[in-house]
């Protein structure tokens, strides 16, 4: 694999930064990960950290040197992170469970897979065009899908900040998995929190990433969004990856993984503490199967409610 990657986060106008981001890679697999702790709930930054640690640790266990079942891995690791957040609440006897949104992208064999819960987004861009974008799990997106709100109301609707899906909620999360995406040289994957996309339109994100390398574009986007948000602005976080072909001109920021020794894992994701992730506890197969059945039931129930409306 050959790619360049850049990440940056700014606290904005908030007292704390509840966004978390990071990436890990082996010779044959790359994981991009971003979580946005929900500020309306207790210790959102803790939920985001636990989610990052859990998914990151499971990637390190599973990528030998690539993940055998990528879609299953994304779903299972999100469920595991959800349970770890609830276990943190129980251990610390908190009055409520911390919550976080999350988006992840797994790339291997020239193919990308991604998953998300909430409104942290992923954009797949090529030549300045957005090929795909995650759909926010929010009230306003549901209203737009039902024809009860116009897309132009995304930035102004009173329910625009209401989410129905996240990690840490009382119910199991709905993990939305992408279709498989075949990458070409020059493709960009952008993961970002709502502090970025909430103030910058999609076409601005696409234009900036087309006109500059990600090493230049991401800091410019962060700076612009922070300036617009001002003293009351949200945390602003972005993680971008540009895919490169084997014949592309060598760039000092390019990572070439085929030179890595077998078994090597490089990561910017903080390792979990023993209390945060215990072997055999957070990734038990029976629990995963039960969780999958629960989530399928939740999706079916949600579909019935939507059809009645």
Protein backbone atom coordinates (compact mmCIF):
# COMPACT_ATOMS: atom_id res chain seq x y z
CA UNK A 1 0.00 0.00 0.00
CA UNK A 2 1.04 3.57 -0.70
CA UNK A 3 -0.79 6.51 0.84
CA UNK A 4 -0.38 9.81 2.62
CA UNK A 5 -2.34 10.68 5.74
CA UNK A 6 -2.87 13.81 7.82
CA UNK A 7 -4.93 14.54 10.93
CA UNK A 8 -5.62 17.65 12.95
CA UNK A 9 -8.04 18.76 15.66
CA UNK A 10 -8.89 22.15 17.19
CA UNK A 11 -10.77 22.82 20.41
CA UNK A 12 -12.77 25.65 18.81
CA UNK A 13 -14.75 27.71 21.30
CA UNK A 14 -15.35 24.88 23.76
CA UNK A 15 -13.72 24.34 27.15
CA UNK A 16 -12.65 20.80 26.26
CA UNK A 17 -12.00 18.89 23.06
CA UNK A 18 -14.21 15.79 22.98
CA UNK A 19 -13.14 14.74 19.48
CA UNK A 20 -10.70 11.86 19.03
CA UNK A 21 -8.97 10.61 15.87
CA UNK A 22 -6.25 8.20 14.83
CA UNK A 23 -5.08 5.59 12.37
CA UNK A 24 -3.31 2.23 12.37
CA UNK A 25 -1.74 0.20 9.59
CA UNK A 26 0.02 -3.07 8.85
CA UNK A 27 1.66 -4.18 5.59
CA UNK A 28 -1.76 -4.85 4.05
CA UNK A 29 -4.45 -2.99 6.01
CA UNK A 30 -5.14 0.60 7.07
CA UNK A 31 -7.71 1.72 9.65
CA UNK A 32 -8.88 5.35 9.86
CA UNK A 33 -10.95 6.23 12.91
CA UNK A 34 -12.71 9.31 14.31
CA UNK A 35 -15.06 9.72 17.28
CA UNK A 36 -16.93 12.78 18.55
CA UNK A 37 -17.97 12.64 22.22
CA UNK A 38 -21.48 13.96 22.72
CA UNK A 39 -21.33 17.11 24.80
CA UNK A 40 -24.93 16.91 25.95
CA UNK A 41 -24.04 13.86 28.03
CA UNK A 42 -21.59 13.14 30.84
CA UNK A 43 -17.93 12.55 29.89
CA UNK A 44 -18.34 12.48 26.12
CA UNK A 45 -14.58 12.62 25.68
CA UNK A 46 -14.24 9.41 27.71
CA UNK A 47 -16.74 7.62 25.46
CA UNK A 48 -14.82 8.76 22.39
CA UNK A 49 -11.51 7.60 23.89
CA UNK A 50 -12.87 4.18 24.85
CA UNK A 51 -14.35 3.75 21.37
CA UNK A 52 -11.02 4.61 19.75
CA UNK A 53 -9.08 2.31 22.05
CA UNK A 54 -11.45 -0.62 21.64
CA UNK A 55 -11.71 -0.52 17.84
CA UNK A 56 -7.98 0.18 17.53
CA UNK A 57 -7.03 -2.73 19.77
CA UNK A 58 -9.32 -5.14 17.92
CA UNK A 59 -7.77 -4.05 14.63
CA UNK A 60 -4.34 -4.89 16.00
CA UNK A 61 -5.65 -8.33 16.98
CA UNK A 62 -7.41 -8.96 13.67
CA UNK A 63 -5.08 -7.50 11.01
CA UNK A 64 -2.65 -10.38 10.42
CA UNK A 65 -1.67 -8.72 8.18
CA UNK A 66 -5.18 -7.92 6.91
CA UNK A 67 -8.71 -8.34 8.28
CA UNK A 68 -10.38 -11.51 6.97
CA UNK A 69 -14.00 -10.27 7.17
CA UNK A 70 -13.86 -6.45 6.99
CA UNK A 71 -17.59 -5.70 7.17
CA UNK A 72 -18.04 -8.08 10.07
CA UNK A 73 -15.02 -6.58 11.82
CA UNK A 74 -16.42 -3.05 11.61
CA UNK A 75 -19.80 -4.08 12.97
CA UNK A 76 -18.40 -6.28 15.72
CA UNK A 77 -15.84 -3.72 16.87
CA UNK A 78 -18.50 -1.00 17.13
CA UNK A 79 -20.65 -3.31 19.25
CA UNK A 80 -17.63 -4.08 21.41
CA UNK A 81 -16.91 -0.36 21.90
CA UNK A 82 -20.56 0.22 22.83
CA UNK A 83 -20.36 -2.45 25.53
CA UNK A 84 -17.04 -1.14 26.84
CA UNK A 85 -18.58 2.31 27.31
CA UNK A 86 -21.44 0.79 29.28
CA UNK A 87 -18.95 -1.22 31.36
CA UNK A 88 -17.07 1.99 32.14
CA UNK A 89 -20.30 3.53 33.46
CA UNK A 90 -21.01 0.48 35.62
CA UNK A 91 -17.47 0.30 37.03
CA UNK A 92 -17.50 4.00 37.90
CA UNK A 93 -21.14 4.06 39.05
CA UNK A 94 -22.02 7.01 36.81
CA UNK A 95 -25.58 8.37 36.75
CA UNK A 96 -25.66 8.03 32.96
CA UNK A 97 -23.59 6.41 30.22
CA UNK A 98 -21.18 8.60 28.20
CA UNK A 99 -21.97 8.69 24.48
CA UNK A 100 -20.08 9.23 21.25
CA UNK A 101 -20.55 9.18 17.51
CA UNK A 102 -18.00 7.26 15.45
CA UNK A 103 -16.88 6.72 11.86
CA UNK A 104 -14.27 4.22 10.66
CA UNK A 105 -12.72 3.31 7.33
CA UNK A 106 -10.83 0.07 6.68
CA UNK A 107 -8.70 -0.14 3.52
CA UNK A 108 -7.03 -3.29 2.22
CA UNK A 109 -6.39 -4.91 -1.16
CA UNK A 110 -7.13 -1.57 -2.88
CA UNK A 111 -10.66 -1.62 -1.46
CA UNK A 112 -12.28 0.59 1.18
CA UNK A 113 -15.03 -0.30 3.64
CA UNK A 114 -16.51 2.12 6.12
CA UNK A 115 -19.07 2.25 8.92
CA UNK A 116 -20.58 4.90 11.16
CA UNK A 117 -22.97 5.64 14.01
CA UNK A 118 -24.25 9.18 14.40
CA UNK A 119 -23.20 12.25 12.45
CA UNK A 120 -19.42 11.98 12.23
CA UNK A 121 -18.93 11.80 8.48
CA UNK A 122 -16.83 10.12 5.81
CA UNK A 123 -16.40 11.59 2.32
CA UNK A 124 -14.98 9.60 -0.60
CA UNK A 125 -13.62 12.07 -3.15
CA UNK A 126 -12.11 11.73 -6.62
CA UNK A 127 -11.00 14.62 -8.87
CA UNK A 128 -12.96 17.14 -6.80
CA UNK A 129 -16.17 15.09 -6.90
CA UNK A 130 -17.85 13.45 -3.92
CA UNK A 131 -18.41 9.81 -4.87
CA UNK A 132 -20.00 8.89 -1.55
CA UNK A 133 -20.83 10.44 1.81
CA UNK A 134 -22.20 8.88 4.97
CA UNK A 135 -25.79 9.69 5.86
CA UNK A 136 -26.17 11.35 9.27
CA UNK A 137 -28.23 9.39 11.78
CA UNK A 138 -30.12 12.51 12.76
CA UNK A 139 -33.68 13.74 13.02
CA UNK A 140 -33.27 16.23 10.19
CA UNK A 141 -31.95 13.56 7.78
CA UNK A 142 -34.93 11.36 8.66
CA UNK A 143 -37.33 14.23 7.96
CA UNK A 144 -35.62 14.94 4.62
CA UNK A 145 -35.82 11.25 3.65
CA UNK A 146 -39.54 11.27 4.49
CA UNK A 147 -40.11 14.42 2.45
CA UNK A 148 -41.10 16.37 5.56
CA UNK A 149 -38.16 18.80 5.36
CA UNK A 150 -36.13 20.32 2.56
CA UNK A 151 -32.37 19.62 2.24
CA UNK A 152 -31.79 23.38 2.49
CA UNK A 153 -32.95 23.19 6.13
CA UNK A 154 -29.99 21.05 7.25
CA UNK A 155 -28.16 24.04 8.76
CA UNK A 156 -31.18 25.83 10.27
CA UNK A 157 -33.80 23.26 11.26
CA UNK A 158 -34.49 23.22 15.05
CA UNK A 159 -34.00 19.42 15.12
CA UNK A 160 -30.69 19.46 13.22
CA UNK A 161 -28.65 18.45 16.30
CA UNK A 162 -30.90 15.59 17.43
CA UNK A 163 -29.27 12.19 16.88
CA UNK A 164 -31.02 8.82 17.09
CA UNK A 165 -27.90 6.65 16.92
CA UNK A 166 -24.59 6.58 18.79
CA UNK A 167 -22.39 4.42 20.99
CA UNK A 168 -23.31 4.43 24.67
CA UNK A 169 -27.08 4.88 24.29
CA UNK A 170 -29.46 2.52 26.19
CA UNK A 171 -30.20 0.58 22.99
CA UNK A 172 -27.73 -1.25 20.77
CA UNK A 173 -26.38 1.03 18.03
CA UNK A 174 -27.33 0.67 14.39
CA UNK A 175 -24.04 0.22 12.55
CA UNK A 176 -24.39 1.38 8.96
CA UNK A 177 -21.90 -0.39 6.67
CA UNK A 178 -20.88 0.92 3.25
CA UNK A 179 -20.68 -0.96 -0.01
CA UNK A 180 -17.18 -1.97 -1.12
CA UNK A 181 -15.32 0.87 -2.83
CA UNK A 182 -12.46 0.26 -5.28
CA UNK A 183 -9.84 2.97 -4.89
CA UNK A 184 -7.89 4.73 -7.62
CA UNK A 185 -4.71 6.77 -7.31
CA UNK A 186 -5.57 10.26 -6.07
CA UNK A 187 -8.73 9.22 -4.23
CA UNK A 188 -9.21 10.93 -0.87
CA UNK A 189 -11.02 9.65 2.21
CA UNK A 190 -12.00 12.43 4.62
CA UNK A 191 -13.30 11.63 8.09
CA UNK A 192 -14.53 14.64 10.07
CA UNK A 193 -16.65 15.76 13.00
CA UNK A 194 -19.68 18.01 12.68
CA UNK A 195 -17.54 20.93 13.79
CA UNK A 196 -16.12 20.87 10.25
CA UNK A 197 -18.96 19.84 7.95
CA UNK A 198 -21.49 21.81 10.00
CA UNK A 199 -19.99 25.14 8.92
CA UNK A 200 -18.37 24.29 5.57
CA UNK A 201 -20.52 23.10 2.64
CA UNK A 202 -19.64 19.87 0.86
CA UNK A 203 -18.48 21.66 -2.29
CA UNK A 204 -15.98 23.70 -0.27
CA UNK A 205 -14.51 20.56 1.29
CA UNK A 206 -14.23 18.92 -2.15
CA UNK A 207 -12.67 22.00 -3.76
CA UNK A 208 -10.03 22.48 -1.07
CA UNK A 209 -9.03 18.83 -1.17
CA UNK A 210 -8.78 18.91 -4.95
CA UNK A 211 -6.65 22.06 -5.12
CA UNK A 212 -4.15 21.12 -2.40
CA UNK A 213 -2.45 18.10 -0.88
CA UNK A 214 -4.14 16.82 2.26
CA UNK A 215 -1.18 18.11 4.28
CA UNK A 216 -2.11 21.65 3.21
CA UNK A 217 -5.85 21.29 2.72
CA UNK A 218 -6.75 19.87 6.15
CA UNK A 219 -5.08 22.66 8.19
CA UNK A 220 -6.76 25.25 5.94
CA UNK A 221 -10.16 23.62 6.42
CA UNK A 222 -9.68 23.41 10.19
CA UNK A 223 -8.61 27.06 10.35
CA UNK A 224 -11.54 28.24 8.22
CA UNK A 225 -14.12 26.27 10.20
CA UNK A 226 -12.67 27.44 13.52
CA UNK A 227 -12.78 31.04 12.33
CA UNK A 228 -16.41 30.75 11.27
CA UNK A 229 -17.39 29.03 14.51
CA UNK A 230 -15.79 31.73 16.61
CA UNK A 231 -15.89 31.78 20.39
CA UNK A 232 -18.99 29.59 20.48
CA UNK A 233 -17.79 27.14 17.82
CA UNK A 234 -17.62 23.38 18.19
CA UNK A 235 -14.50 21.19 18.27
CA UNK A 236 -13.20 20.80 14.71
CA UNK A 237 -11.47 17.58 13.68
CA UNK A 238 -10.45 16.03 10.37
CA UNK A 239 -8.49 12.96 9.28
CA UNK A 240 -7.70 12.61 5.58
CA UNK A 241 -5.99 9.90 3.53
CA UNK A 242 -4.89 10.11 -0.12
CA UNK A 243 -4.46 6.80 -1.94
CA UNK A 244 -1.47 6.50 -4.24
CA UNK A 245 -0.53 4.08 -6.99
CA UNK A 246 2.62 2.02 -7.01
CA UNK A 247 4.03 4.15 -9.84
CA UNK A 248 3.31 7.56 -8.29
CA UNK A 249 6.15 10.00 -7.76
CA UNK A 250 7.73 9.57 -4.34
CA UNK A 251 6.58 12.25 -1.89
CA UNK A 252 8.14 12.83 1.54
CA UNK A 253 4.70 12.38 3.12
CA UNK A 254 3.99 9.07 1.38
CA UNK A 255 3.84 5.92 3.48
CA UNK A 256 4.85 2.69 1.72
CA UNK A 257 3.84 -0.31 3.77
CA UNK A 258 5.47 -3.12 1.79
CA UNK A 259 8.77 -2.27 3.48
CA UNK A 260 7.31 -3.07 6.90
CA UNK A 261 8.34 -6.33 8.54
CA UNK A 262 5.58 -8.92 8.80
CA UNK A 263 3.71 -8.52 12.08
CA UNK A 264 4.51 -4.80 12.42
CA UNK A 265 1.68 -2.42 13.33
CA UNK A 266 2.03 1.36 13.28
CA UNK A 267 -0.60 3.38 15.13
CA UNK A 268 -1.46 6.83 16.44
CA UNK A 269 -4.32 5.40 18.52
CA UNK A 270 -3.59 5.29 22.23
CA UNK A 271 -3.35 1.75 23.59
CA UNK A 272 -6.16 0.74 25.95
CA UNK A 273 -5.68 0.18 29.63
CA UNK A 274 -6.35 -3.32 30.95
CA UNK A 275 -9.55 -2.07 32.56
CA UNK A 276 -10.80 -0.75 29.23
CA UNK A 277 -10.37 -3.94 27.18
CA UNK A 278 -9.99 -7.45 28.51
CA UNK A 279 -9.44 -10.47 26.23
CA UNK A 280 -12.51 -12.67 26.01
CA UNK A 281 -14.79 -10.05 27.54
CA UNK A 282 -15.44 -7.41 24.92
CA UNK A 283 -15.30 -9.61 21.82
CA UNK A 284 -17.13 -12.77 22.91
CA UNK A 285 -18.65 -14.53 19.88
CA UNK A 286 -21.91 -15.43 21.64
CA UNK A 287 -22.42 -11.85 22.73
CA UNK A 288 -21.68 -10.63 19.21
CA UNK A 289 -24.27 -13.00 17.73
CA UNK A 290 -26.86 -11.86 20.26
CA UNK A 291 -26.00 -8.20 19.54
CA UNK A 292 -26.39 -8.75 15.80
CA UNK A 293 -29.87 -10.21 16.33
CA UNK A 294 -30.80 -7.27 18.55
CA UNK A 295 -29.61 -4.73 16.02
CA UNK A 296 -31.48 -6.45 13.19
CA UNK A 297 -34.62 -6.34 15.28
CA UNK A 298 -34.07 -2.64 15.96
CA UNK A 299 -33.64 -1.94 12.25
CA UNK A 300 -36.82 -3.85 11.40
CA UNK A 301 -38.75 -2.01 14.12
CA UNK A 302 -37.42 1.33 12.88
CA UNK A 303 -38.50 0.47 9.32
CA UNK A 304 -42.04 -0.39 10.49
CA UNK A 305 -42.32 2.89 12.39
CA UNK A 306 -41.09 4.86 9.37
CA UNK A 307 -43.56 3.14 7.02
CA UNK A 308 -46.46 3.96 9.33
CA UNK A 309 -45.48 7.62 9.32
